[in-house]
Amino acid sequence: MQHNWPLWEIFIRSKQGLDHKHVGSLHAADAEMAIENARDVYTRRMEGVSIWVVESKYVHASNPDDAGAFYDPANDKVYRHPTFYDLPDELKHM
């Protein structure tokens, strides 16, 4: 019997981190099954504290081939760059 289950993207938050990191993908019938399977596949050593699953069809991304044109408008926003701020001398790691 062949299943046509959707593909799910799996994100795990580790005990040491504050953010979820993409760890892989898997097929599952629904979100509940995806979370349970992700737990079994990606957290075998009890390293996770939280699991997110997102059906792959709902993930949208920019095209890496268009990165230059896509990010160019950000260069026009000089106020986002801290180049014109005066920093105190005692601040050494900025």
N, C-alpha and C. Protein backbone atom coordinates (compact mmCIF):
# COMPACT_ATOMS: atom_id res chain seq x y z
N MET A 1 0.84 -1.18 0.00
CA MET A 1 0.00 0.00 0.00
C MET A 1 0.88 1.25 0.00
N GLN A 2 0.65 2.13 -0.95
CA GLN A 2 1.45 3.34 -1.09
C GLN A 2 0.66 4.54 -0.56
N HIS A 3 1.32 5.35 0.29
CA HIS A 3 0.68 6.54 0.84
C HIS A 3 1.16 7.77 0.08
N ASN A 4 0.27 8.69 -0.16
CA ASN A 4 0.64 9.98 -0.75
C ASN A 4 0.56 11.05 0.32
N TRP A 5 1.28 10.83 1.40
CA TRP A 5 1.28 11.78 2.51
C TRP A 5 2.09 13.01 2.15
N PRO A 6 1.68 14.17 2.65
CA PRO A 6 2.42 15.39 2.35
C PRO A 6 3.80 15.41 3.04
N LEU A 7 4.66 16.22 2.50
CA LEU A 7 6.00 16.42 3.06
C LEU A 7 5.94 17.53 4.10
N TRP A 8 6.59 17.32 5.23
CA TRP A 8 6.62 18.29 6.33
C TRP A 8 8.06 18.70 6.60
N GLU A 9 8.27 20.00 6.84
CA GLU A 9 9.58 20.52 7.23
C GLU A 9 9.62 20.53 8.75
N ILE A 10 10.74 20.07 9.31
CA ILE A 10 10.86 19.89 10.75
C ILE A 10 11.86 20.90 11.33
N PHE A 11 11.45 21.58 12.39
CA PHE A 11 12.29 22.54 13.10
C PHE A 11 12.34 22.13 14.57
N ILE A 12 13.55 22.08 15.14
CA ILE A 12 13.74 21.68 16.52
C ILE A 12 14.43 22.80 17.28
N ARG A 13 13.94 23.06 18.49
CA ARG A 13 14.63 23.99 19.40
C ARG A 13 15.38 23.14 20.41
N SER A 14 16.68 23.34 20.49
CA SER A 14 17.50 22.56 21.41
C SER A 14 17.43 23.14 22.81
N LYS A 15 17.91 22.38 23.77
CA LYS A 15 17.92 22.85 25.16
C LYS A 15 18.81 24.07 25.34
N GLN A 16 19.85 24.20 24.51
CA GLN A 16 20.78 25.32 24.63
C GLN A 16 20.35 26.55 23.83
N GLY A 17 19.40 26.40 22.92
CA GLY A 17 19.08 27.50 22.03
C GLY A 17 17.75 28.15 22.30
N LEU A 18 17.57 29.33 21.69
CA LEU A 18 16.31 30.05 21.80
C LEU A 18 15.53 29.99 20.50
N ASP A 19 16.19 29.54 19.43
CA ASP A 19 15.53 29.51 18.14
C ASP A 19 15.36 28.08 17.64
N HIS A 20 14.42 27.90 16.77
CA HIS A 20 14.19 26.60 16.14
C HIS A 20 15.06 26.53 14.89
N LYS A 21 15.68 25.39 14.66
CA LYS A 21 16.53 25.19 13.48
C LYS A 21 15.94 24.07 12.62
N HIS A 22 16.02 24.28 11.33
CA HIS A 22 15.54 23.26 10.40
C HIS A 22 16.47 22.06 10.47
N VAL A 23 15.88 20.88 10.68
CA VAL A 23 16.70 19.67 10.82
C VAL A 23 16.42 18.65 9.72
N GLY A 24 15.36 18.83 8.96
CA GLY A 24 15.05 17.89 7.90
C GLY A 24 13.59 17.89 7.53
N SER A 25 13.21 16.87 6.78
CA SER A 25 11.85 16.73 6.28
C SER A 25 11.39 15.30 6.46
N LEU A 26 10.08 15.12 6.49
CA LEU A 26 9.52 13.77 6.51
C LEU A 26 8.10 13.79 6.00
N HIS A 27 7.61 12.64 5.60
CA HIS A 27 6.24 12.50 5.14
C HIS A 27 5.38 12.03 6.31
N ALA A 28 4.17 12.59 6.43
CA ALA A 28 3.23 12.19 7.47
C ALA A 28 1.82 12.53 7.01
N ALA A 29 0.86 11.81 7.56
CA ALA A 29 -0.54 12.01 7.17
C ALA A 29 -1.10 13.35 7.65
N ASP A 30 -0.65 13.80 8.85
CA ASP A 30 -1.16 15.05 9.40
C ASP A 30 -0.11 15.64 10.34
N ALA A 31 -0.40 16.80 10.91
CA ALA A 31 0.56 17.51 11.77
C ALA A 31 0.90 16.70 13.01
N GLU A 32 -0.09 16.08 13.61
CA GLU A 32 0.15 15.29 14.82
C GLU A 32 1.13 14.15 14.54
N MET A 33 0.91 13.45 13.44
CA MET A 33 1.81 12.37 13.08
C MET A 33 3.20 12.91 12.74
N ALA A 34 3.26 14.07 12.10
CA ALA A 34 4.55 14.68 11.76
C ALA A 34 5.34 15.02 13.02
N ILE A 35 4.67 15.55 14.05
CA ILE A 35 5.35 15.88 15.31
C ILE A 35 5.86 14.61 15.98
N GLU A 36 5.03 13.59 16.04
CA GLU A 36 5.45 12.34 16.68
C GLU A 36 6.60 11.69 15.93
N ASN A 37 6.52 11.66 14.60
CA ASN A 37 7.61 11.08 13.81
C ASN A 37 8.88 11.92 13.93
N ALA A 38 8.73 13.24 13.96
CA ALA A 38 9.90 14.11 14.12
C ALA A 38 10.57 13.87 15.46
N ARG A 39 9.77 13.69 16.50
CA ARG A 39 10.33 13.37 17.82
C ARG A 39 11.15 12.09 17.74
N ASP A 40 10.60 11.06 17.10
CA ASP A 40 11.28 9.77 17.02
C ASP A 40 12.53 9.82 16.15
N VAL A 41 12.48 10.60 15.07
CA VAL A 41 13.60 10.62 14.12
C VAL A 41 14.68 11.63 14.50
N TYR A 42 14.28 12.82 14.96
CA TYR A 42 15.24 13.92 15.13
C TYR A 42 15.60 14.25 16.57
N THR A 43 14.99 13.60 17.56
CA THR A 43 15.34 13.91 18.95
C THR A 43 15.61 12.64 19.74
N ARG A 44 16.36 11.74 19.17
CA ARG A 44 16.63 10.46 19.82
C ARG A 44 17.45 10.59 21.10
N ARG A 45 18.24 11.65 21.18
CA ARG A 45 19.09 11.84 22.36
C ARG A 45 18.53 12.85 23.35
N MET A 46 17.24 13.10 23.27
CA MET A 46 16.54 14.01 24.18
C MET A 46 17.09 15.44 24.11
N GLU A 47 17.57 15.87 22.93
CA GLU A 47 18.18 17.19 22.82
C GLU A 47 17.17 18.30 22.53
N GLY A 48 15.94 17.95 22.19
CA GLY A 48 14.98 18.98 21.83
C GLY A 48 14.03 19.33 22.96
N VAL A 49 13.57 20.58 22.96
CA VAL A 49 12.55 21.01 23.92
C VAL A 49 11.28 21.46 23.21
N SER A 50 11.36 21.64 21.89
CA SER A 50 10.20 22.08 21.14
C SER A 50 10.35 21.65 19.68
N ILE A 51 9.25 21.24 19.09
CA ILE A 51 9.25 20.83 17.68
C ILE A 51 8.19 21.63 16.94
N TRP A 52 8.59 22.18 15.81
CA TRP A 52 7.65 22.81 14.89
C TRP A 52 7.61 21.96 13.63
N VAL A 53 6.42 21.76 13.07
CA VAL A 53 6.28 21.13 11.77
C VAL A 53 5.47 22.05 10.87
N VAL A 54 5.90 22.18 9.62
CA VAL A 54 5.22 23.02 8.65
C VAL A 54 5.10 22.22 7.36
N GLU A 55 3.88 22.10 6.88
CA GLU A 55 3.71 21.39 5.62
C GLU A 55 4.48 22.15 4.53
N SER A 56 5.31 21.43 3.80
CA SER A 56 6.24 22.05 2.84
C SER A 56 5.55 22.97 1.85
N LYS A 57 4.33 22.65 1.47
CA LYS A 57 3.65 23.49 0.47
C LYS A 57 3.36 24.90 1.00
N TYR A 58 3.46 25.10 2.32
CA TYR A 58 3.22 26.41 2.90
C TYR A 58 4.49 27.21 3.15
N VAL A 59 5.63 26.66 2.78
CA VAL A 59 6.89 27.37 2.92
C VAL A 59 7.17 28.09 1.61
N HIS A 60 7.37 29.39 1.69
CA HIS A 60 7.66 30.20 0.51
C HIS A 60 9.01 30.87 0.73
N ALA A 61 9.82 30.93 -0.31
CA ALA A 61 11.17 31.46 -0.16
C ALA A 61 11.54 32.32 -1.36
N SER A 62 12.50 33.20 -1.14
CA SER A 62 13.04 33.98 -2.25
C SER A 62 13.96 33.06 -3.06
N ASN A 63 14.21 33.46 -4.29
CA ASN A 63 15.07 32.68 -5.18
C ASN A 63 16.52 33.11 -4.99
N PRO A 64 17.42 32.19 -4.63
CA PRO A 64 18.83 32.56 -4.44
C PRO A 64 19.46 33.18 -5.68
N ASP A 65 18.97 32.82 -6.86
CA ASP A 65 19.52 33.39 -8.10
C ASP A 65 19.19 34.87 -8.23
N ASP A 66 18.17 35.34 -7.53
CA ASP A 66 17.77 36.75 -7.58
C ASP A 66 18.26 37.54 -6.36
N ALA A 67 19.20 36.99 -5.62
CA ALA A 67 19.64 37.62 -4.37
C ALA A 67 20.14 39.04 -4.56
N GLY A 68 20.92 39.29 -5.60
CA GLY A 68 21.45 40.63 -5.82
C GLY A 68 20.35 41.66 -5.96
N ALA A 69 19.45 41.44 -6.87
CA ALA A 69 18.35 42.39 -7.10
C ALA A 69 17.39 42.44 -5.92
N PHE A 70 17.21 41.32 -5.25
CA PHE A 70 16.28 41.26 -4.14
C PHE A 70 16.77 42.09 -2.94
N TYR A 71 18.08 42.03 -2.66
CA TYR A 71 18.61 42.71 -1.48
C TYR A 71 19.16 44.10 -1.77
N ASP A 72 19.30 44.49 -3.01
CA ASP A 72 19.82 45.81 -3.35
C ASP A 72 19.07 46.97 -2.70
N PRO A 73 17.74 46.96 -2.65
CA PRO A 73 17.04 48.10 -2.03
C PRO A 73 17.45 48.36 -0.58
N ALA A 74 17.92 47.36 0.14
CA ALA A 74 18.34 47.56 1.53
C ALA A 74 19.57 48.45 1.62
N ASN A 75 20.39 48.49 0.57
CA ASN A 75 21.59 49.33 0.58
C ASN A 75 21.24 50.81 0.55
N ASP A 76 20.05 51.15 0.10
CA ASP A 76 19.61 52.55 0.04
C ASP A 76 19.15 53.07 1.40
N LYS A 77 19.04 52.23 2.37
CA LYS A 77 18.52 52.61 3.68
C LYS A 77 19.69 52.78 4.66
N VAL A 78 20.43 53.85 4.50
CA VAL A 78 21.64 54.06 5.30
C VAL A 78 21.34 54.18 6.79
N TYR A 79 20.12 54.57 7.12
CA TYR A 79 19.76 54.69 8.53
C TYR A 79 19.78 53.34 9.23
N ARG A 80 19.79 52.26 8.49
CA ARG A 80 19.86 50.92 9.09
C ARG A 80 21.30 50.52 9.43
N HIS A 81 22.26 51.26 8.90
CA HIS A 81 23.67 50.96 9.15
C HIS A 81 24.20 51.90 10.22
N PRO A 82 24.84 51.40 11.24
CA PRO A 82 25.29 52.24 12.35
C PRO A 82 26.58 52.99 12.06
N THR A 83 26.82 53.37 10.82
CA THR A 83 28.09 54.01 10.46
C THR A 83 28.18 55.47 10.89
N PHE A 84 27.09 56.11 11.21
CA PHE A 84 27.14 57.53 11.57
C PHE A 84 26.87 57.78 13.05
N TYR A 85 26.95 56.73 13.86
CA TYR A 85 26.77 56.88 15.30
C TYR A 85 28.13 57.03 15.96
N ASP A 86 28.20 57.91 16.95
CA ASP A 86 29.43 58.04 17.75
C ASP A 86 29.33 57.07 18.92
N LEU A 87 30.30 56.18 19.03
CA LEU A 87 30.31 55.19 20.11
C LEU A 87 31.30 55.61 21.17
N PRO A 88 30.98 55.38 22.43
CA PRO A 88 31.91 55.70 23.51
C PRO A 88 33.20 54.87 23.37
N ASP A 89 34.32 55.44 23.79
CA ASP A 89 35.60 54.75 23.69
C ASP A 89 35.63 53.46 24.48
N GLU A 90 34.89 53.40 25.59
CA GLU A 90 34.91 52.19 26.40
C GLU A 90 34.17 51.02 25.77
N LEU A 91 33.43 51.29 24.70
CA LEU A 91 32.73 50.23 23.99
C LEU A 91 33.68 49.67 22.93
N LYS A 92 34.26 48.51 23.19
CA LYS A 92 35.32 47.99 22.35
C LYS A 92 34.89 46.90 21.36
N HIS A 93 33.75 46.27 21.57
CA HIS A 93 33.40 45.12 20.73
C HIS A 93 32.21 45.39 19.82
N MET A 94 32.16 46.53 19.24
CA MET A 94 31.07 46.88 18.35
C MET A 94 31.57 46.98 16.93
